[in-house]
Protein backbone atom coordinates (compact mmCIF):
# COMPACT_ATOMS: atom_id res chain seq x y z
CA UNK A 1 195.97 27.88 115.99
CA UNK A 2 195.64 24.32 117.28
CA UNK A 3 192.75 22.05 116.61
CA UNK A 4 192.50 19.74 119.41
CA UNK A 5 190.52 16.44 118.66
CA UNK A 6 191.49 16.61 115.02
CA UNK A 7 191.50 12.84 114.56
CA UNK A 8 187.70 12.70 115.39
CA UNK A 9 185.14 13.11 112.66
CA UNK A 10 184.27 16.68 113.23
CA UNK A 11 187.69 17.62 114.29
CA UNK A 12 188.98 16.53 110.90
CA UNK A 13 186.36 18.48 109.06
CA UNK A 14 187.43 21.53 111.11
CA UNK A 15 191.11 21.00 110.22
CA UNK A 16 190.34 20.67 106.64
CA UNK A 17 188.22 23.60 106.52
CA UNK A 18 190.97 25.73 108.16
CA UNK A 19 193.72 24.38 105.87
CA UNK A 20 191.71 25.46 102.90
CA UNK A 21 190.40 28.87 104.10
CA UNK A 22 193.02 30.27 106.35
CA UNK A 23 195.25 32.97 104.94
CA UNK A 24 198.60 31.82 103.32
CA UNK A 25 201.13 31.46 106.04
CA UNK A 26 198.67 30.72 108.94
CA UNK A 27 200.36 28.29 111.40
CA UNK A 28 197.91 25.39 112.20
CA UNK A 29 198.68 22.40 114.29
CA UNK A 30 196.77 19.24 115.06
CA UNK A 31 196.40 18.02 118.58
CA UNK A 32 195.18 14.86 120.31
CA UNK A 33 196.16 11.72 122.21
CA UNK A 34 197.46 9.65 119.20
CA UNK A 35 200.29 10.97 116.75
CA UNK A 36 199.40 8.04 114.48
CA UNK A 37 195.82 9.01 114.14
CA UNK A 38 196.52 12.62 113.47
CA UNK A 39 199.20 11.92 110.97
CA UNK A 40 196.83 9.45 109.18
CA UNK A 41 194.81 12.63 108.13
CA UNK A 42 197.38 13.36 105.65
CA UNK A 43 197.24 17.23 106.12
CA UNK A 44 201.07 17.52 106.62
CA UNK A 45 200.78 19.76 109.63
CA UNK A 46 202.59 19.74 113.03
CA UNK A 47 201.31 17.44 115.69
CA UNK A 48 200.85 18.04 119.39
CA UNK A 49 200.27 15.20 121.96
CA UNK A 50 198.21 16.06 124.77
CA UNK A 51 195.62 13.81 126.98
CA UNK A 52 192.42 15.64 128.18
CA UNK A 53 193.61 15.07 131.93
CA UNK A 54 197.17 15.98 131.35
CA UNK A 55 197.36 19.58 132.86
CA UNK A 56 200.93 20.11 132.15
CA UNK A 57 200.72 19.16 128.41
CA UNK A 58 197.56 21.11 127.91
CA UNK A 59 199.16 24.25 129.44
CA UNK A 60 202.09 23.85 127.40
CA UNK A 61 199.79 23.42 124.25
CA UNK A 62 197.61 26.36 125.15
CA UNK A 63 200.74 28.62 125.90
CA UNK A 64 202.12 28.20 122.50
CA UNK A 65 199.18 29.33 120.32
CA UNK A 66 196.76 32.27 120.06
CA UNK A 67 193.49 29.91 119.81
CA UNK A 68 192.57 26.50 120.59
CA UNK A 69 189.69 24.92 118.69
CA UNK A 70 188.37 21.74 120.63
CA UNK A 71 186.08 19.17 119.32
CA UNK A 72 186.58 16.77 122.29
CA UNK A 73 183.31 16.08 124.17
CA UNK A 74 181.38 15.39 126.09
CA UNK A 75 182.93 18.66 127.35
CA UNK A 76 181.92 17.97 130.99
CA UNK A 77 183.98 14.86 130.90
CA UNK A 78 186.88 15.82 128.74
CA UNK A 79 186.72 19.56 128.31
CA UNK A 80 187.00 21.32 131.79
CA UNK A 81 190.68 21.29 132.19
CA UNK A 82 191.43 22.70 128.77
CA UNK A 83 189.09 25.59 129.16
CA UNK A 84 190.67 26.34 132.53
CA UNK A 85 194.17 26.31 131.28
CA UNK A 86 193.13 28.48 128.30
CA UNK A 87 191.72 31.02 130.66
CA UNK A 88 194.80 30.94 132.71
CA UNK A 89 197.30 31.21 129.91
CA UNK A 90 195.20 34.11 128.10
CA UNK A 91 194.65 31.85 125.22
CA UNK A 92 191.41 32.20 123.09
CA UNK A 93 189.18 29.16 122.86
CA UNK A 94 186.27 27.84 120.96
CA UNK A 95 184.12 24.70 121.19
CA UNK A 96 181.00 22.94 120.17
CA UNK A 97 179.40 22.37 123.39
CA UNK A 98 175.73 22.09 123.82
CA UNK A 99 175.98 21.14 127.48
CA UNK A 100 174.27 23.47 129.90
CA UNK A 101 175.97 22.11 133.06
CA UNK A 102 179.42 22.29 131.52
CA UNK A 103 178.82 25.88 130.34
CA UNK A 104 177.67 26.82 133.74
CA UNK A 105 180.84 25.25 135.43
CA UNK A 106 183.11 27.05 132.90
CA UNK A 107 181.46 30.40 133.65
CA UNK A 108 181.86 29.90 137.44
CA UNK A 109 185.36 28.64 137.14
CA UNK A 110 186.85 30.62 134.34
CA UNK A 111 184.99 33.91 133.63
CA UNK A 112 186.90 36.07 136.06
CA UNK A 113 190.23 34.44 135.19
CA UNK A 114 189.81 34.92 131.52
CA UNK A 115 188.53 38.75 132.28
CA UNK A 116 191.93 39.16 133.95
CA UNK A 117 194.24 37.31 131.26
CA UNK A 118 192.08 38.63 128.23
CA UNK A 119 191.23 35.25 127.01
CA UNK A 120 187.92 34.94 125.11
CA UNK A 121 186.46 31.55 126.06
CA UNK A 122 183.79 31.19 123.44
CA UNK A 123 181.60 28.14 123.78
CA UNK A 124 179.03 26.80 121.52
CA UNK A 125 180.54 27.88 118.12
CA UNK A 126 178.79 25.26 115.97
CA UNK A 127 175.09 24.43 115.00
CA UNK A 128 174.76 24.91 118.75
CA UNK A 129 174.42 27.82 119.19
CA UNK A 130 175.62 30.07 116.42
CA UNK A 131 172.53 30.23 114.25
CA UNK A 132 170.43 31.10 117.40
CA UNK A 133 173.07 33.58 118.98
CA UNK A 134 174.19 35.32 115.81
CA UNK A 135 170.55 35.32 114.37
CA UNK A 136 169.28 37.23 117.19
CA UNK A 137 172.38 39.46 117.27
CA UNK A 138 171.61 40.69 113.57
CA UNK A 139 167.90 41.02 114.45
CA UNK A 140 168.66 43.31 117.23
CA UNK A 141 171.16 45.19 115.32
CA UNK A 142 168.68 45.96 112.43
CA UNK A 143 166.00 46.93 114.86
CA UNK A 144 168.31 49.33 116.67
CA UNK A 145 169.58 50.77 113.24
CA UNK A 146 165.91 51.39 112.41
CA UNK A 147 165.21 53.09 115.77
CA UNK A 148 162.38 50.69 116.48
CA UNK A 149 163.05 50.22 120.15
CA UNK A 150 163.91 46.85 121.78
CA UNK A 151 162.89 43.05 121.22
CA UNK A 152 160.06 41.58 123.11
CA UNK A 153 158.43 38.05 122.19
CA UNK A 154 161.03 36.46 119.93
CA UNK A 155 160.75 32.99 118.29
CA UNK A 156 163.18 31.03 116.33
CA UNK A 157 161.44 28.65 114.07
CA UNK A 158 163.46 25.81 112.38
CA UNK A 159 161.61 25.79 109.03
CA UNK A 160 163.91 23.37 107.07
CA UNK A 161 166.32 20.89 108.42
CA UNK A 162 168.00 17.97 106.76
CA UNK A 163 171.03 15.92 108.24
CA UNK A 164 172.21 13.29 110.46
CA UNK A 165 172.09 13.33 114.27
CA UNK A 166 175.49 13.79 115.85
CA UNK A 167 176.77 10.85 117.86
CA UNK A 168 178.65 13.31 120.05
CA UNK A 169 175.35 15.25 120.82
CA UNK A 170 173.84 12.05 121.85
CA UNK A 171 176.80 11.29 124.32
CA UNK A 172 176.48 14.80 125.62
CA UNK A 173 172.83 14.27 126.38
CA UNK A 174 173.37 10.87 127.90
CA UNK A 175 176.02 12.17 130.08
CA UNK A 176 173.92 15.15 131.36
CA UNK A 177 171.01 12.80 132.08
CA UNK A 178 173.37 10.67 134.22
CA UNK A 179 174.71 13.69 136.22
CA UNK A 180 171.47 15.32 136.70
CA UNK A 181 169.71 12.16 137.91
CA UNK A 182 171.91 11.92 140.90
CA UNK A 183 171.88 15.55 141.82
CA UNK A 184 168.61 17.72 142.40
CA UNK A 185 170.56 21.03 142.47
CA UNK A 186 172.00 20.29 139.02
CA UNK A 187 168.44 19.53 137.85
CA UNK A 188 167.28 22.98 138.95
CA UNK A 189 170.18 24.66 137.15
CA UNK A 190 169.24 22.66 133.94
CA UNK A 191 165.69 23.66 134.24
CA UNK A 192 166.22 27.39 134.88
CA UNK A 193 165.74 29.56 131.76
CA UNK A 194 168.63 31.79 133.07
CA UNK A 195 170.93 28.84 134.06
CA UNK A 196 173.86 30.59 132.11
CA UNK A 197 173.23 34.07 133.23
CA UNK A 198 176.05 36.12 134.80
CA UNK A 199 173.60 37.19 137.53
CA UNK A 200 170.25 35.36 137.98
CA UNK A 201 169.10 37.88 140.61
CA UNK A 202 169.31 40.76 137.97
CA UNK A 203 167.21 39.05 135.29
CA UNK A 204 163.61 40.24 134.67
CA UNK A 205 160.83 38.21 135.90
CA UNK A 206 159.06 37.09 132.62
CA UNK A 207 157.17 34.12 133.83
CA UNK A 208 157.45 30.65 132.44
CA UNK A 209 159.43 30.33 129.14
CA UNK A 210 159.00 26.64 128.30
CA UNK A 211 161.39 24.75 126.23
CA UNK A 212 158.78 22.34 124.65
CA UNK A 213 155.95 24.59 123.30
CA UNK A 214 153.47 23.32 120.69
CA UNK A 215 151.11 25.69 118.66
CA UNK A 216 149.92 26.37 115.21
CA UNK A 217 152.66 28.09 113.14
CA UNK A 218 150.44 30.92 112.38
CA UNK A 219 150.37 31.95 115.92
CA UNK A 220 154.11 32.95 115.42
CA UNK A 221 153.96 34.25 111.83
CA UNK A 222 150.75 34.44 109.78
CA UNK A 223 152.74 33.53 106.74
CA UNK A 224 153.83 30.24 108.37
CA UNK A 225 151.83 27.04 107.78
CA UNK A 226 151.76 23.80 109.76
CA UNK A 227 152.29 23.28 113.42
CA UNK A 228 155.20 24.12 115.75
CA UNK A 229 156.89 21.36 117.71
CA UNK A 230 159.75 21.49 120.36
CA UNK A 231 163.34 21.81 118.91
CA UNK A 232 165.83 19.42 120.41
CA UNK A 233 168.40 22.03 121.21
CA UNK A 234 166.11 24.69 122.46
CA UNK A 235 167.00 24.11 126.16
CA UNK A 236 170.50 24.99 125.49
CA UNK A 237 170.40 27.51 122.71
CA UNK A 238 167.85 29.73 124.48
CA UNK A 239 170.12 29.95 127.57
CA UNK A 240 173.04 31.07 125.46
CA UNK A 241 170.94 33.80 123.66
CA UNK A 242 169.73 35.04 127.09
CA UNK A 243 173.40 35.04 128.47
CA UNK A 244 174.16 37.29 125.52
CA UNK A 245 171.50 39.77 126.31
CA UNK A 246 172.79 40.01 130.06
CA UNK A 247 176.36 40.18 129.09
CA UNK A 248 175.34 43.25 126.75
CA UNK A 249 173.39 44.96 129.64
CA UNK A 250 170.22 43.55 128.28
CA UNK A 251 170.65 45.55 125.09
CA UNK A 252 167.94 43.27 123.35
CA UNK A 253 165.37 44.51 126.06
CA UNK A 254 164.31 43.87 129.60
CA UNK A 255 160.99 42.44 128.17
CA UNK A 256 162.95 40.17 125.78
CA UNK A 257 161.29 36.71 125.85
CA UNK A 258 162.98 33.98 123.58
CA UNK A 259 161.90 30.43 122.49
CA UNK A 260 162.88 28.13 119.79
CA UNK A 261 160.63 25.62 117.84
CA UNK A 262 160.56 23.42 114.90
CA UNK A 263 158.05 23.58 112.02
CA UNK A 264 156.31 20.23 111.31
CA UNK A 265 153.25 19.42 109.09
CA UNK A 266 150.50 19.08 111.66
CA UNK A 267 149.57 18.98 115.45
CA UNK A 268 149.88 15.02 115.24
CA UNK A 269 153.46 15.25 114.10
CA UNK A 270 154.15 17.99 116.69
CA UNK A 271 152.75 15.70 119.53
CA UNK A 272 154.88 12.69 118.18
CA UNK A 273 157.90 14.75 118.15
CA UNK A 274 157.35 15.97 121.71
CA UNK A 275 156.76 12.38 122.88
CA UNK A 276 159.85 10.96 121.11
CA UNK A 277 162.13 13.81 122.74
CA UNK A 278 160.70 13.01 126.14
CA UNK A 279 161.02 9.26 125.74
CA UNK A 280 164.56 9.72 124.73
CA UNK A 281 165.45 11.47 127.90
CA UNK A 282 163.58 8.82 130.04
CA UNK A 283 165.14 6.07 127.91
CA UNK A 284 168.72 7.40 128.91
CA UNK A 285 167.71 7.28 132.68
CA UNK A 286 166.18 3.82 132.64
CA UNK A 287 168.98 1.06 132.55
CA UNK A 288 167.15 -1.59 130.25
CA UNK A 289 165.95 1.25 127.80
CA UNK A 290 169.47 2.74 127.94
CA UNK A 291 170.96 -0.54 126.76
CA UNK A 292 168.91 -0.68 123.72
CA UNK A 293 169.37 3.10 122.88
CA UNK A 294 173.25 2.71 123.19
CA UNK A 295 173.09 0.28 120.49
CA UNK A 296 170.77 1.93 117.89
CA UNK A 297 171.86 5.57 118.23
CA UNK A 298 175.08 7.01 116.55
CA UNK A 299 178.31 6.47 118.24
CA UNK A 300 180.61 9.40 119.40
CA UNK A 301 183.24 10.11 116.70
CA UNK A 302 181.14 8.66 113.81
CA UNK A 303 179.66 10.62 111.16
CA UNK A 304 177.63 10.50 107.70
CA UNK A 305 179.01 10.00 104.40
CA UNK A 306 180.17 12.87 102.21
CA UNK A 307 176.90 12.68 100.07
CA UNK A 308 174.77 13.18 103.24
CA UNK A 309 176.92 16.04 104.57
CA UNK A 310 176.74 17.61 101.26
CA UNK A 311 173.07 17.35 100.79
CA UNK A 312 172.26 18.51 104.31
CA UNK A 313 170.93 21.97 105.04
CA UNK A 314 169.06 24.19 107.50
CA UNK A 315 166.92 27.42 107.49
CA UNK A 316 166.09 29.18 110.73
CA UNK A 317 163.81 32.24 110.91
CA UNK A 318 163.64 34.31 114.09
CA UNK A 319 160.57 36.43 114.30
CA UNK A 320 160.13 39.18 116.90
CA UNK A 321 157.87 42.11 117.74
CA UNK A 322 159.58 45.31 119.22
CA UNK A 323 158.62 47.72 121.79
CA UNK A 324 157.17 50.00 119.11
CA UNK A 325 154.94 47.22 117.76
CA UNK A 326 157.26 46.82 114.69
CA UNK A 327 157.64 43.17 113.22
CA UNK A 328 161.13 41.90 112.11
CA UNK A 329 162.38 38.54 110.89
CA UNK A 330 166.11 37.44 110.74
CA UNK A 331 167.10 34.33 108.75
CA UNK A 332 170.03 32.12 109.09
CA UNK A 333 170.45 29.63 106.28
CA UNK A 334 173.29 27.32 105.25
CA UNK A 335 174.02 24.28 103.08
CA UNK A 336 175.75 21.19 104.45
CA UNK A 337 174.81 18.66 107.21
CA UNK A 338 173.99 21.05 110.18
CA UNK A 339 175.93 18.94 112.79
CA UNK A 340 178.90 18.16 110.50
CA UNK A 341 179.74 20.14 107.48
CA UNK A 342 178.08 23.39 108.31
CA UNK A 343 179.33 22.91 111.98
CA UNK A 344 182.87 22.67 110.75
CA UNK A 345 182.50 26.00 108.81
CA UNK A 346 181.02 27.87 111.76
CA UNK A 347 183.78 26.72 114.34
CA UNK A 348 186.59 27.06 111.80
CA UNK A 349 185.33 30.61 110.95
CA UNK A 350 185.04 31.54 114.64
CA UNK A 351 188.49 30.58 115.25
CA UNK A 352 189.78 32.59 112.07
CA UNK A 353 187.86 35.67 113.39
CA UNK A 354 189.61 35.46 116.82
CA UNK A 355 193.07 35.38 115.20
CA UNK A 356 192.63 37.87 112.36
CA UNK A 357 189.83 40.16 113.17
CA UNK A 358 191.04 41.31 116.56
CA UNK A 359 190.34 45.04 115.88
CA UNK A 360 186.66 44.17 115.07
CA UNK A 361 185.84 42.05 117.94
CA UNK A 362 183.38 43.28 120.66
CA UNK A 363 185.05 45.46 123.10
CA UNK A 364 183.72 43.39 126.08
CA UNK A 365 187.36 41.93 126.58
CA UNK A 366 188.15 38.56 127.91
CA UNK A 367 185.70 36.23 129.71
CA UNK A 368 183.53 33.12 129.27
CA UNK A 369 181.56 34.57 126.27
CA UNK A 370 179.01 33.71 123.61
CA UNK A 371 179.50 33.88 119.91
CA UNK A 372 177.62 37.11 119.75
CA UNK A 373 179.42 38.74 122.75
CA UNK A 374 182.93 37.18 121.97
CA UNK A 375 183.13 37.57 118.11
CA UNK A 376 179.98 39.38 117.06
CA UNK A 377 180.12 41.24 113.63
CA UNK A 378 183.55 39.79 112.69
CA UNK A 379 182.00 36.39 112.66
CA UNK A 380 178.75 37.56 110.98
CA UNK A 381 180.93 38.88 107.92
CA UNK A 382 183.29 35.72 107.91
CA UNK A 383 180.07 33.41 107.81
CA UNK A 384 178.41 35.36 105.02
CA UNK A 385 181.76 35.16 103.02
CA UNK A 386 181.77 31.33 103.73
CA UNK A 387 178.27 31.02 102.08
CA UNK A 388 175.91 31.23 104.92
CA UNK A 389 172.89 33.50 104.43
CA UNK A 390 172.33 35.83 107.41
CA UNK A 391 169.81 38.61 106.99
CA UNK A 392 167.32 40.71 108.88
CA UNK A 393 164.48 42.92 107.80
CA UNK A 394 161.22 44.51 108.72
CA UNK A 395 158.17 42.45 107.77
């Protein structure tokens, strides 16, 4: 396998995870623009040089490996060509994108090609969107095993979260604001709850599914205290989960409604967080505010100290009501900074599953897929073995 962008902060974490956890004899190479920076990592691995806009170099790179792992974003700027050449060469691909417009473009451009070549192009294999997508996957599996029908109203609640905010995520948000500001069609795509659906016309009409809800926590689960506020990545993760449902023939249910929120202490904190998220988007769109934000927010390629990474953690609970009236909860919990240490584990294990667990992958074949539809139970087992808690049970 090849780690593209290995000299970046997250790329280096992924490369180190793979060298420490891949089976003995696994061939791993590091790729990027600078041989000097890649060799500076001190991992004593082969080095491949390829610029993000060099089609020949990227094609040669993709053709010589089973899986390309890429951390080079924003993906809308630097990732389109690599995703395309992987689809064309039949090479499996995993990334960390949380960019809805990039994912939509990749689906439109690469899905049919990847189906033909057998390539699994699996976007969003980090904190965005594995806890969401895999969490709903195991939730549905438990409900199905118990014979309790399909999922209906389903809510992911971020109950605990500690970690730094990724400079790469900030840069992706900044880029998407720039693009959508200029094009009303792209704004409509970004706003649609089914913007990543394989067939929008076949999706059920479930009314509004807002990305920034606010409510008492007990409205979702009587055992939860506090208030629920918007979760910054809900607008992306929810669309990934809905795509999984559609790719699986709406196995979760035609009445499956899905949202993501974050637990805070009270309604005041919820209102403050909602205001801050709205202000961030506005700030990126207004030049004077953008100037200030660009100087105070984390820069791409930077990351927290080892101590911060080690002490980070997250817990997400996904609560649903089934068509039989049963109540279930899934939990995805991990140690390590969500956007860095934990993400490196999730991305690395996604790549390892594609290489070593071929006989356990979902039978969907190739295409532009999600973690649940492209890797599925093979990834669940690997993540559990790597220390993540992933459970589902009736409540």
